[in-house]
């Protein structure tokens, strides 16, 4: 952060293809004397060791959500939080920190931790320098600095008192094995922990994991979004089950893995053919 040259040099550094992860690892191997930097990059607990080197605005995620919560506070009826990816982590965090205001939460591919340790270290090193990578759209590069904040925020969501709060309300968590952004293993651990804390007499907690063979990408609830060379063919059943969960408090998990809609639920209209990108 204190270097006068690197930030300006990389200010317009949009593509990370020229600086490969292997090259970054080779660079790290050469800076053994930079103990603070190496310790910070490898600090999985995000302790004072991490914050000695890095700044993070990760709490902005929930601060922004809390502002939206205040805006709808006077509306009648129960309040639900629903979100995808970073929105999923934020939806869980808002429910966990405001359990008296949130009735249920449904999340998809919640982003608590970047998938794969190499990606995490690469983002931690390059993100603060302004590096960005190509996103789902060519004209919308994604800041790697956001990924650093994601990991820190994910640690916040997984704190024991927050898991205790989530265990006391109905939850729905849907993930996919081929996720290239969110580490679904962390999500599975959270589901198991919530269920354990809730006990047999607690509220229902529904979850499922799309298998790799089902080819459901990280952007699973967006029928138009091509990611990882595929789209979610099950998105209509997914929408229906969210409706069932929020209105009836139940989820037919097996239906999430079907491309057919349930005739007993409101039908989800298909997207116009022109909306689909070519896979």
C-alpha atoms as a PDB file:
ATOM      1  CA  UNK A   1       0.000   0.000   0.000  1.00  0.00           C
ATOM      2  CA  UNK A   2       2.897   2.371   0.719  1.00  0.00           C
ATOM      3  CA  UNK A   3       4.769   1.747  -2.526  1.00  0.00           C
ATOM      4  CA  UNK A   4       4.640   4.943  -4.641  1.00  0.00           C
ATOM      5  CA  UNK A   5       5.020   3.214  -8.002  1.00  0.00           C
ATOM      6  CA  UNK A   6       3.174  -0.098  -8.151  1.00  0.00           C
ATOM      7  CA  UNK A   7      -0.414   1.188  -7.741  1.00  0.00           C
ATOM      8  CA  UNK A   8      -0.016   3.763 -10.512  1.00  0.00           C
ATOM      9  CA  UNK A   9       1.738   1.262 -12.742  1.00  0.00           C
ATOM     10  CA  UNK A  10      -1.110  -1.214 -12.446  1.00  0.00           C
ATOM     11  CA  UNK A  11      -3.956   1.314 -12.350  1.00  0.00           C
ATOM     12  CA  UNK A  12      -5.140   0.353 -15.827  1.00  0.00           C
ATOM     13  CA  UNK A  13      -4.040  -3.263 -15.627  1.00  0.00           C
ATOM     14  CA  UNK A  14      -7.222  -4.922 -16.906  1.00  0.00           C
ATOM     15  CA  UNK A  15      -6.007  -8.307 -18.124  1.00  0.00           C
ATOM     16  CA  UNK A  16      -4.255 -10.734 -15.814  1.00  0.00           C
ATOM     17  CA  UNK A  17      -3.392 -13.135 -18.618  1.00  0.00           C
ATOM     18  CA  UNK A  18       0.113 -11.717 -18.993  1.00  0.00           C
ATOM     19  CA  UNK A  19       0.891 -12.209 -15.326  1.00  0.00           C
ATOM     20  CA  UNK A  20       0.172 -15.867 -14.731  1.00  0.00           C
ATOM     21  CA  UNK A  21      -0.400 -17.462 -11.352  1.00  0.00           C
ATOM     22  CA  UNK A  22       2.796 -19.429 -11.869  1.00  0.00           C
ATOM     23  CA  UNK A  23       4.726 -16.206 -12.346  1.00  0.00           C
ATOM     24  CA  UNK A  24       3.209 -14.766  -9.197  1.00  0.00           C
ATOM     25  CA  UNK A  25       4.199 -17.890  -7.263  1.00  0.00           C
ATOM     26  CA  UNK A  26       7.749 -17.602  -8.600  1.00  0.00           C
ATOM     27  CA  UNK A  27       7.800 -13.996  -7.438  1.00  0.00           C
ATOM     28  CA  UNK A  28       6.625 -14.999  -3.976  1.00  0.00           C
ATOM     29  CA  UNK A  29       9.334 -17.641  -3.795  1.00  0.00           C
ATOM     30  CA  UNK A  30      11.896 -14.885  -4.384  1.00  0.00           C
ATOM     31  CA  UNK A  31      10.677 -12.595  -1.601  1.00  0.00           C
ATOM     32  CA  UNK A  32      11.298 -14.835   1.378  1.00  0.00           C
ATOM     33  CA  UNK A  33      12.569 -11.855   3.323  1.00  0.00           C
ATOM     34  CA  UNK A  34       9.206 -10.097   3.043  1.00  0.00           C
ATOM     35  CA  UNK A  35       7.931 -11.990   6.060  1.00  0.00           C
ATOM     36  CA  UNK A  36       4.961  -9.727   6.772  1.00  0.00           C
ATOM     37  CA  UNK A  37       3.660 -10.011   3.216  1.00  0.00           C
ATOM     38  CA  UNK A  38       3.997 -13.780   3.078  1.00  0.00           C
ATOM     39  CA  UNK A  39       2.359 -14.212   6.474  1.00  0.00           C
ATOM     40  CA  UNK A  40      -0.508 -11.933   5.471  1.00  0.00           C
ATOM     41  CA  UNK A  41      -1.162 -13.792   2.228  1.00  0.00           C
ATOM     42  CA  UNK A  42      -1.281 -17.102   4.093  1.00  0.00           C
ATOM     43  CA  UNK A  43      -3.314 -15.841   7.053  1.00  0.00           C
ATOM     44  CA  UNK A  44      -6.478 -17.934   6.775  1.00  0.00           C
ATOM     45  CA  UNK A  45      -7.829 -16.464  10.029  1.00  0.00           C
ATOM     46  CA  UNK A  46      -7.537 -12.850   8.830  1.00  0.00           C
ATOM     47  CA  UNK A  47      -5.963 -11.811  12.099  1.00  0.00           C
ATOM     48  CA  UNK A  48      -3.835  -8.774  12.887  1.00  0.00           C
ATOM     49  CA  UNK A  49      -1.151 -10.377  10.698  1.00  0.00           C
ATOM     50  CA  UNK A  50      -3.366  -9.894   7.660  1.00  0.00           C
ATOM     51  CA  UNK A  51      -4.493  -6.388   8.535  1.00  0.00           C
ATOM     52  CA  UNK A  52      -0.917  -5.298   9.186  1.00  0.00           C
ATOM     53  CA  UNK A  53      -0.431  -5.433   5.434  1.00  0.00           C
ATOM     54  CA  UNK A  54      -3.932  -5.129   3.986  1.00  0.00           C
ATOM     55  CA  UNK A  55      -6.903  -2.853   4.327  1.00  0.00           C
ATOM     56  CA  UNK A  56     -10.385  -4.229   3.690  1.00  0.00           C
ATOM     57  CA  UNK A  57     -13.809  -2.700   3.199  1.00  0.00           C
ATOM     58  CA  UNK A  58     -15.534  -6.063   3.555  1.00  0.00           C
ATOM     59  CA  UNK A  59     -18.066  -4.799   6.094  1.00  0.00           C
ATOM     60  CA  UNK A  60     -19.490  -2.467   3.458  1.00  0.00           C
ATOM     61  CA  UNK A  61     -21.385  -5.465   2.120  1.00  0.00           C
ATOM     62  CA  UNK A  62     -23.558  -5.730   5.200  1.00  0.00           C
ATOM     63  CA  UNK A  63     -23.643  -1.987   5.882  1.00  0.00           C
ATOM     64  CA  UNK A  64     -25.239  -1.439   2.470  1.00  0.00           C
ATOM     65  CA  UNK A  65     -27.709  -4.268   3.093  1.00  0.00           C
ATOM     66  CA  UNK A  66     -28.646  -2.774   6.453  1.00  0.00           C
ATOM     67  CA  UNK A  67     -29.526   0.489   4.731  1.00  0.00           C
ATOM     68  CA  UNK A  68     -31.902  -1.364   2.409  1.00  0.00           C
ATOM     69  CA  UNK A  69     -33.396  -3.125   5.431  1.00  0.00           C
ATOM     70  CA  UNK A  70     -34.148   0.230   7.053  1.00  0.00           C
ATOM     71  CA  UNK A  71     -35.872   1.413   3.878  1.00  0.00           C
ATOM     72  CA  UNK A  72     -38.354  -1.485   3.870  1.00  0.00           C
ATOM     73  CA  UNK A  73     -38.747  -1.770   7.631  1.00  0.00           C
ATOM     74  CA  UNK A  74     -42.225  -0.174   7.619  1.00  0.00           C
ATOM     75  CA  UNK A  75     -43.623  -2.513   4.961  1.00  0.00           C
ATOM     76  CA  UNK A  76     -46.149  -5.121   6.174  1.00  0.00           C
ATOM     77  CA  UNK A  77     -45.466  -8.831   6.178  1.00  0.00           C
ATOM     78  CA  UNK A  78     -42.347 -10.933   6.782  1.00  0.00           C
ATOM     79  CA  UNK A  79     -38.965  -9.977   5.338  1.00  0.00           C
ATOM     80  CA  UNK A  80     -36.848 -12.530   3.471  1.00  0.00           C
ATOM     81  CA  UNK A  81     -33.251 -12.257   2.298  1.00  0.00           C
ATOM     82  CA  UNK A  82     -32.375 -13.917  -1.014  1.00  0.00           C
ATOM     83  CA  UNK A  83     -29.091 -13.682  -2.877  1.00  0.00           C
ATOM     84  CA  UNK A  84     -26.601 -15.154  -5.333  1.00  0.00           C
ATOM     85  CA  UNK A  85     -22.842 -15.375  -4.861  1.00  0.00           C
ATOM     86  CA  UNK A  86     -21.647 -12.392  -2.815  1.00  0.00           C
ATOM     87  CA  UNK A  87     -25.308 -11.483  -2.471  1.00  0.00           C
ATOM     88  CA  UNK A  88     -25.856 -14.917  -0.939  1.00  0.00           C
ATOM     89  CA  UNK A  89     -23.171 -14.376   1.681  1.00  0.00           C
ATOM     90  CA  UNK A  90     -24.621 -10.942   2.405  1.00  0.00           C
ATOM     91  CA  UNK A  91     -28.160 -12.337   2.658  1.00  0.00           C
ATOM     92  CA  UNK A  92     -26.999 -14.857   5.257  1.00  0.00           C
ATOM     93  CA  UNK A  93     -25.031 -12.220   7.142  1.00  0.00           C
ATOM     94  CA  UNK A  94     -28.007  -9.864   7.271  1.00  0.00           C
ATOM     95  CA  UNK A  95     -30.275 -12.647   8.510  1.00  0.00           C
ATOM     96  CA  UNK A  96     -27.710 -13.719  11.107  1.00  0.00           C
ATOM     97  CA  UNK A  97     -27.213 -10.219  12.482  1.00  0.00           C
ATOM     98  CA  UNK A  98     -30.896  -9.208  12.359  1.00  0.00           C
ATOM     99  CA  UNK A  99     -32.722 -12.415  13.332  1.00  0.00           C
ATOM    100  CA  UNK A 100     -35.680 -10.520  14.810  1.00  0.00           C
ATOM    101  CA  UNK A 101     -36.373  -8.834  11.472  1.00  0.00           C
ATOM    102  CA  UNK A 102     -35.597 -11.578   8.928  1.00  0.00           C
ATOM    103  CA  UNK A 103     -37.997 -14.525   8.704  1.00  0.00           C
ATOM    104  CA  UNK A 104     -36.206 -16.775   6.163  1.00  0.00           C
ATOM    105  CA  UNK A 105     -33.163 -16.719   3.928  1.00  0.00           C
ATOM    106  CA  UNK A 106     -32.517 -18.465   0.585  1.00  0.00           C
ATOM    107  CA  UNK A 107     -29.099 -18.310  -1.046  1.00  0.00           C
ATOM    108  CA  UNK A 108     -27.407 -19.669  -4.152  1.00  0.00           C
ATOM    109  CA  UNK A 109     -23.683 -20.354  -4.567  1.00  0.00           C
ATOM    110  CA  UNK A 110     -22.922 -18.169  -1.530  1.00  0.00           C
ATOM    111  CA  UNK A 111     -19.409 -16.790  -1.820  1.00  0.00           C
ATOM    112  CA  UNK A 112     -17.693 -17.258   1.544  1.00  0.00           C
ATOM    113  CA  UNK A 113     -14.289 -18.179   0.247  1.00  0.00           C
ATOM    114  CA  UNK A 114     -12.557 -18.123  -3.101  1.00  0.00           C
ATOM    115  CA  UNK A 115     -12.301 -21.565  -4.606  1.00  0.00           C
ATOM    116  CA  UNK A 116      -8.762 -23.003  -4.600  1.00  0.00           C
ATOM    117  CA  UNK A 117      -5.828 -21.737  -2.572  1.00  0.00           C
ATOM    118  CA  UNK A 118      -3.855 -20.610  -5.612  1.00  0.00           C
ATOM    119  CA  UNK A 119      -6.670 -18.285  -6.699  1.00  0.00           C
ATOM    120  CA  UNK A 120      -6.909 -16.881  -3.189  1.00  0.00           C
ATOM    121  CA  UNK A 121      -3.189 -16.083  -2.947  1.00  0.00           C
ATOM    122  CA  UNK A 122      -3.172 -14.633  -6.441  1.00  0.00           C
ATOM    123  CA  UNK A 123      -6.094 -12.322  -5.631  1.00  0.00           C
ATOM    124  CA  UNK A 124      -4.633 -11.319  -2.269  1.00  0.00           C
ATOM    125  CA  UNK A 125      -1.361 -10.293  -3.862  1.00  0.00           C
ATOM    126  CA  UNK A 126      -2.676  -8.689  -7.060  1.00  0.00           C
ATOM    127  CA  UNK A 127      -6.016  -7.270  -5.931  1.00  0.00           C
ATOM    128  CA  UNK A 128      -4.689  -4.378  -3.822  1.00  0.00           C
ATOM    129  CA  UNK A 129      -2.476  -3.370  -6.762  1.00  0.00           C
ATOM    130  CA  UNK A 130      -5.528  -2.704  -8.915  1.00  0.00           C
ATOM    131  CA  UNK A 131      -5.493  -5.857 -11.043  1.00  0.00           C
ATOM    132  CA  UNK A 132      -8.748  -6.836 -12.691  1.00  0.00           C
ATOM    133  CA  UNK A 133      -9.765  -9.901 -14.657  1.00  0.00           C
ATOM    134  CA  UNK A 134     -12.315 -10.507 -17.356  1.00  0.00           C
ATOM    135  CA  UNK A 135     -15.820 -11.125 -16.040  1.00  0.00           C
ATOM    136  CA  UNK A 136     -18.835 -12.709 -17.677  1.00  0.00           C
ATOM    137  CA  UNK A 137     -19.043  -9.703 -20.002  1.00  0.00           C
ATOM    138  CA  UNK A 138     -15.994  -8.462 -21.950  1.00  0.00           C
ATOM    139  CA  UNK A 139     -16.647  -4.823 -21.043  1.00  0.00           C
ATOM    140  CA  UNK A 140     -17.088  -5.493 -17.315  1.00  0.00           C
ATOM    141  CA  UNK A 141     -13.729  -6.547 -15.794  1.00  0.00           C
ATOM    142  CA  UNK A 142     -13.880  -7.672 -12.193  1.00  0.00           C
ATOM    143  CA  UNK A 143     -11.652  -6.252  -9.473  1.00  0.00           C
ATOM    144  CA  UNK A 144      -9.541  -8.874  -7.733  1.00  0.00           C
ATOM    145  CA  UNK A 145      -9.586  -6.611  -4.682  1.00  0.00           C
ATOM    146  CA  UNK A 146     -13.246  -7.575  -4.240  1.00  0.00           C
ATOM    147  CA  UNK A 147     -12.221 -11.206  -3.894  1.00  0.00           C
ATOM    148  CA  UNK A 148      -9.962 -10.316  -0.987  1.00  0.00           C
ATOM    149  CA  UNK A 149     -12.881  -8.622   0.774  1.00  0.00           C
ATOM    150  CA  UNK A 150     -15.042 -11.655  -0.006  1.00  0.00           C
ATOM    151  CA  UNK A 151     -12.764 -13.985   1.928  1.00  0.00           C
ATOM    152  CA  UNK A 152     -12.611 -11.664   4.923  1.00  0.00           C
ATOM    153  CA  UNK A 153     -16.381 -11.204   4.879  1.00  0.00           C
ATOM    154  CA  UNK A 154     -16.928 -14.955   4.597  1.00  0.00           C
ATOM    155  CA  UNK A 155     -14.971 -15.388   7.791  1.00  0.00           C
ATOM    156  CA  UNK A 156     -17.287 -12.852   9.448  1.00  0.00           C
ATOM    157  CA  UNK A 157     -20.409 -14.768   8.355  1.00  0.00           C
ATOM    158  CA  UNK A 158     -18.997 -18.027   9.740  1.00  0.00           C
ATOM    159  CA  UNK A 159     -18.477 -16.674  13.258  1.00  0.00           C
ATOM    160  CA  UNK A 160     -20.147 -18.899  15.900  1.00  0.00           C
ATOM    161  CA  UNK A 161     -22.728 -16.340  17.015  1.00  0.00           C
ATOM    162  CA  UNK A 162     -23.898 -15.885  13.419  1.00  0.00           C
ATOM    163  CA  UNK A 163     -24.238 -19.622  12.839  1.00  0.00           C
ATOM    164  CA  UNK A 164     -26.272 -19.809  16.051  1.00  0.00           C
ATOM    165  CA  UNK A 165     -28.658 -17.164  14.701  1.00  0.00           C
ATOM    166  CA  UNK A 166     -29.036 -18.894  11.340  1.00  0.00           C
ATOM    167  CA  UNK A 167     -29.779 -22.181  13.085  1.00  0.00           C
ATOM    168  CA  UNK A 168     -32.911 -20.589  14.543  1.00  0.00           C
ATOM    169  CA  UNK A 169     -34.526 -19.638  11.206  1.00  0.00           C
ATOM    170  CA  UNK A 170     -35.469 -21.600   8.068  1.00  0.00           C
ATOM    171  CA  UNK A 171     -32.703 -21.560   5.479  1.00  0.00           C
ATOM    172  CA  UNK A 172     -32.316 -22.732   1.887  1.00  0.00           C
ATOM    173  CA  UNK A 173     -28.803 -23.101   0.461  1.00  0.00           C
ATOM    174  CA  UNK A 174     -28.197 -24.295  -3.113  1.00  0.00           C
ATOM    175  CA  UNK A 175     -24.704 -24.872  -4.504  1.00  0.00           C
ATOM    176  CA  UNK A 176     -22.925 -26.507  -7.427  1.00  0.00           C
ATOM    177  CA  UNK A 177     -19.838 -28.710  -7.640  1.00  0.00           C
ATOM    178  CA  UNK A 178     -18.406 -26.984 -10.711  1.00  0.00           C
ATOM    179  CA  UNK A 179     -18.443 -23.544  -9.093  1.00  0.00           C
ATOM    180  CA  UNK A 180     -15.401 -21.610 -10.325  1.00  0.00           C
ATOM    181  CA  UNK A 181     -15.819 -18.745  -7.843  1.00  0.00           C
ATOM    182  CA  UNK A 182     -17.229 -19.962  -4.524  1.00  0.00           C
ATOM    183  CA  UNK A 183     -15.715 -22.843  -2.589  1.00  0.00           C
ATOM    184  CA  UNK A 184     -18.790 -25.047  -2.217  1.00  0.00           C
ATOM    185  CA  UNK A 185     -17.022 -27.169   0.398  1.00  0.00           C
ATOM    186  CA  UNK A 186     -17.176 -24.218   2.792  1.00  0.00           C
ATOM    187  CA  UNK A 187     -20.892 -23.901   2.066  1.00  0.00           C
ATOM    188  CA  UNK A 188     -21.425 -27.586   2.834  1.00  0.00           C
ATOM    189  CA  UNK A 189     -19.618 -27.143   6.149  1.00  0.00           C
ATOM    190  CA  UNK A 190     -21.856 -24.195   7.027  1.00  0.00           C
ATOM    191  CA  UNK A 191     -25.003 -26.206   6.263  1.00  0.00           C
ATOM    192  CA  UNK A 192     -23.787 -29.049   8.479  1.00  0.00           C
ATOM    193  CA  UNK A 193     -22.921 -26.627  11.271  1.00  0.00           C
ATOM    194  CA  UNK A 194     -26.271 -24.835  11.095  1.00  0.00           C
ATOM    195  CA  UNK A 195     -28.150 -28.137  11.231  1.00  0.00           C
ATOM    196  CA  UNK A 196     -26.062 -29.356  14.151  1.00  0.00           C
ATOM    197  CA  UNK A 197     -26.690 -26.177  16.105  1.00  0.00           C
ATOM    198  CA  UNK A 198     -30.404 -26.216  15.272  1.00  0.00           C
ATOM    199  CA  UNK A 199     -30.926 -29.741  16.552  1.00  0.00           C
ATOM    200  CA  UNK A 200     -33.831 -32.077  15.813  1.00  0.00           C
ATOM    201  CA  UNK A 201     -36.455 -29.684  17.125  1.00  0.00           C
ATOM    202  CA  UNK A 202     -35.167 -26.666  15.226  1.00  0.00           C
ATOM    203  CA  UNK A 203     -36.507 -25.028  12.062  1.00  0.00           C
ATOM    204  CA  UNK A 204     -35.991 -26.744   8.688  1.00  0.00           C
ATOM    205  CA  UNK A 205     -32.760 -26.230   6.769  1.00  0.00           C
ATOM    206  CA  UNK A 206     -32.847 -27.241   3.114  1.00  0.00           C
ATOM    207  CA  UNK A 207     -29.768 -27.656   0.953  1.00  0.00           C
ATOM    208  CA  UNK A 208     -28.573 -29.368  -2.188  1.00  0.00           C
ATOM    209  CA  UNK A 209     -25.467 -29.554  -4.331  1.00  0.00           C
ATOM    210  CA  UNK A 210     -25.745 -29.803  -8.114  1.00  0.00           C
ATOM    211  CA  UNK A 211     -23.330 -32.492  -9.307  1.00  0.00           C
ATOM    212  CA  UNK A 212     -20.620 -31.813 -11.857  1.00  0.00           C
ATOM    213  CA  UNK A 213     -22.554 -33.938 -14.352  1.00  0.00           C
ATOM    214  CA  UNK A 214     -25.520 -31.533 -14.141  1.00  0.00           C
ATOM    215  CA  UNK A 215     -23.330 -28.701 -15.472  1.00  0.00           C
ATOM    216  CA  UNK A 216     -24.895 -25.937 -13.373  1.00  0.00           C
ATOM    217  CA  UNK A 217     -22.585 -22.883 -13.293  1.00  0.00           C
ATOM    218  CA  UNK A 218     -21.944 -20.408 -10.493  1.00  0.00           C
ATOM    219  CA  UNK A 219     -24.561 -18.063 -11.983  1.00  0.00           C
ATOM    220  CA  UNK A 220     -27.214 -20.698 -11.387  1.00  0.00           C
ATOM    221  CA  UNK A 221     -30.313 -18.526 -10.984  1.00  0.00           C
ATOM    222  CA  UNK A 222     -29.716 -16.435 -14.104  1.00  0.00           C
ATOM    223  CA  UNK A 223     -31.231 -18.171 -17.144  1.00  0.00           C
ATOM    224  CA  UNK A 224     -29.427 -15.889 -19.605  1.00  0.00           C
ATOM    225  CA  UNK A 225     -25.959 -16.008 -18.084  1.00  0.00           C
ATOM    226  CA  UNK A 226     -23.399 -18.200 -19.800  1.00  0.00           C
ATOM    227  CA  UNK A 227     -20.654 -19.095 -17.356  1.00  0.00           C
ATOM    228  CA  UNK A 228     -18.107 -21.894 -17.520  1.00  0.00           C
ATOM    229  CA  UNK A 229     -19.449 -22.678 -20.968  1.00  0.00           C
ATOM    230  CA  UNK A 230     -22.930 -23.586 -19.742  1.00  0.00           C
ATOM    231  CA  UNK A 231     -26.206 -22.301 -18.309  1.00  0.00           C
ATOM    232  CA  UNK A 232     -28.537 -23.715 -15.670  1.00  0.00           C
ATOM    233  CA  UNK A 233     -31.179 -25.820 -17.400  1.00  0.00           C
ATOM    234  CA  UNK A 234     -32.975 -26.222 -14.061  1.00  0.00           C
ATOM    235  CA  UNK A 235     -33.578 -22.551 -13.363  1.00  0.00           C
ATOM    236  CA  UNK A 236     -37.377 -22.700 -13.607  1.00  0.00           C
ATOM    237  CA  UNK A 237     -37.662 -25.490 -11.037  1.00  0.00           C
ATOM    238  CA  UNK A 238     -35.227 -23.547  -8.876  1.00  0.00           C
ATOM    239  CA  UNK A 239     -37.458 -20.468  -9.004  1.00  0.00           C
ATOM    240  CA  UNK A 240     -40.474 -22.587  -8.130  1.00  0.00           C
ATOM    241  CA  UNK A 241     -38.781 -24.123  -5.112  1.00  0.00           C
ATOM    242  CA  UNK A 242     -37.773 -20.700  -3.813  1.00  0.00           C
ATOM    243  CA  UNK A 243     -41.425 -19.715  -4.053  1.00  0.00           C
ATOM    244  CA  UNK A 244     -42.448 -22.891  -2.229  1.00  0.00           C
ATOM    245  CA  UNK A 245     -39.861 -22.239   0.481  1.00  0.00           C
ATOM    246  CA  UNK A 246     -40.840 -18.620   1.087  1.00  0.00           C
ATOM    247  CA  UNK A 247     -44.602 -19.201   1.012  1.00  0.00           C
ATOM    248  CA  UNK A 248     -44.945 -22.712   2.433  1.00  0.00           C
ATOM    249  CA  UNK A 249     -41.725 -23.244   4.364  1.00  0.00           C
ATOM    250  CA  UNK A 250     -40.926 -26.396   2.398  1.00  0.00           C
ATOM    251  CA  UNK A 251     -38.564 -27.391  -0.413  1.00  0.00           C
ATOM    252  CA  UNK A 252     -38.806 -30.433  -2.671  1.00  0.00           C
ATOM    253  CA  UNK A 253     -35.069 -30.886  -3.054  1.00  0.00           C
ATOM    254  CA  UNK A 254     -35.370 -33.539  -5.761  1.00  0.00           C
ATOM    255  CA  UNK A 255     -37.340 -31.076  -7.903  1.00  0.00           C
ATOM    256  CA  UNK A 256     -34.381 -28.683  -7.916  1.00  0.00           C
ATOM    257  CA  UNK A 257     -32.584 -31.275 -10.024  1.00  0.00           C
ATOM    258  CA  UNK A 258     -35.390 -31.466 -12.593  1.00  0.00           C
ATOM    259  CA  UNK A 259     -35.834 -29.444 -15.759  1.00  0.00           C
ATOM    260  CA  UNK A 260     -39.614 -29.838 -15.485  1.00  0.00           C
ATOM    261  CA  UNK A 261     -41.859 -27.456 -13.586  1.00  0.00           C
ATOM    262  CA  UNK A 262     -44.220 -28.538 -10.840  1.00  0.00           C
ATOM    263  CA  UNK A 263     -47.794 -28.033 -12.124  1.00  0.00           C
ATOM    264  CA  UNK A 264     -48.966 -27.455  -8.531  1.00  0.00           C
ATOM    265  CA  UNK A 265     -46.929 -24.241  -8.304  1.00  0.00           C
ATOM    266  CA  UNK A 266     -47.158 -20.991 -10.291  1.00  0.00           C
ATOM    267  CA  UNK A 267     -45.488 -21.502 -13.651  1.00  0.00           C
ATOM    268  CA  UNK A 268     -42.306 -19.641 -14.508  1.00  0.00           C
ATOM    269  CA  UNK A 269     -42.443 -18.165 -17.993  1.00  0.00           C
ATOM    270  CA  UNK A 270     -39.560 -19.067 -20.299  1.00  0.00           C
ATOM    271  CA  UNK A 271     -37.157 -16.387 -21.422  1.00  0.00           C
ATOM    272  CA  UNK A 272     -37.505 -15.221 -25.030  1.00  0.00           C
ATOM    273  CA  UNK A 273     -35.125 -17.102 -27.283  1.00  0.00           C
ATOM    274  CA  UNK A 274     -33.344 -13.856 -28.125  1.00  0.00           C
ATOM    275  CA  UNK A 275     -32.273 -13.526 -24.471  1.00  0.00           C
ATOM    276  CA  UNK A 276     -30.092 -16.607 -24.537  1.00  0.00           C
ATOM    277  CA  UNK A 277     -26.437 -16.426 -25.359  1.00  0.00           C
ATOM    278  CA  UNK A 278     -24.988 -19.151 -27.486  1.00  0.00           C
ATOM    279  CA  UNK A 279     -23.390 -21.893 -25.358  1.00  0.00           C
END
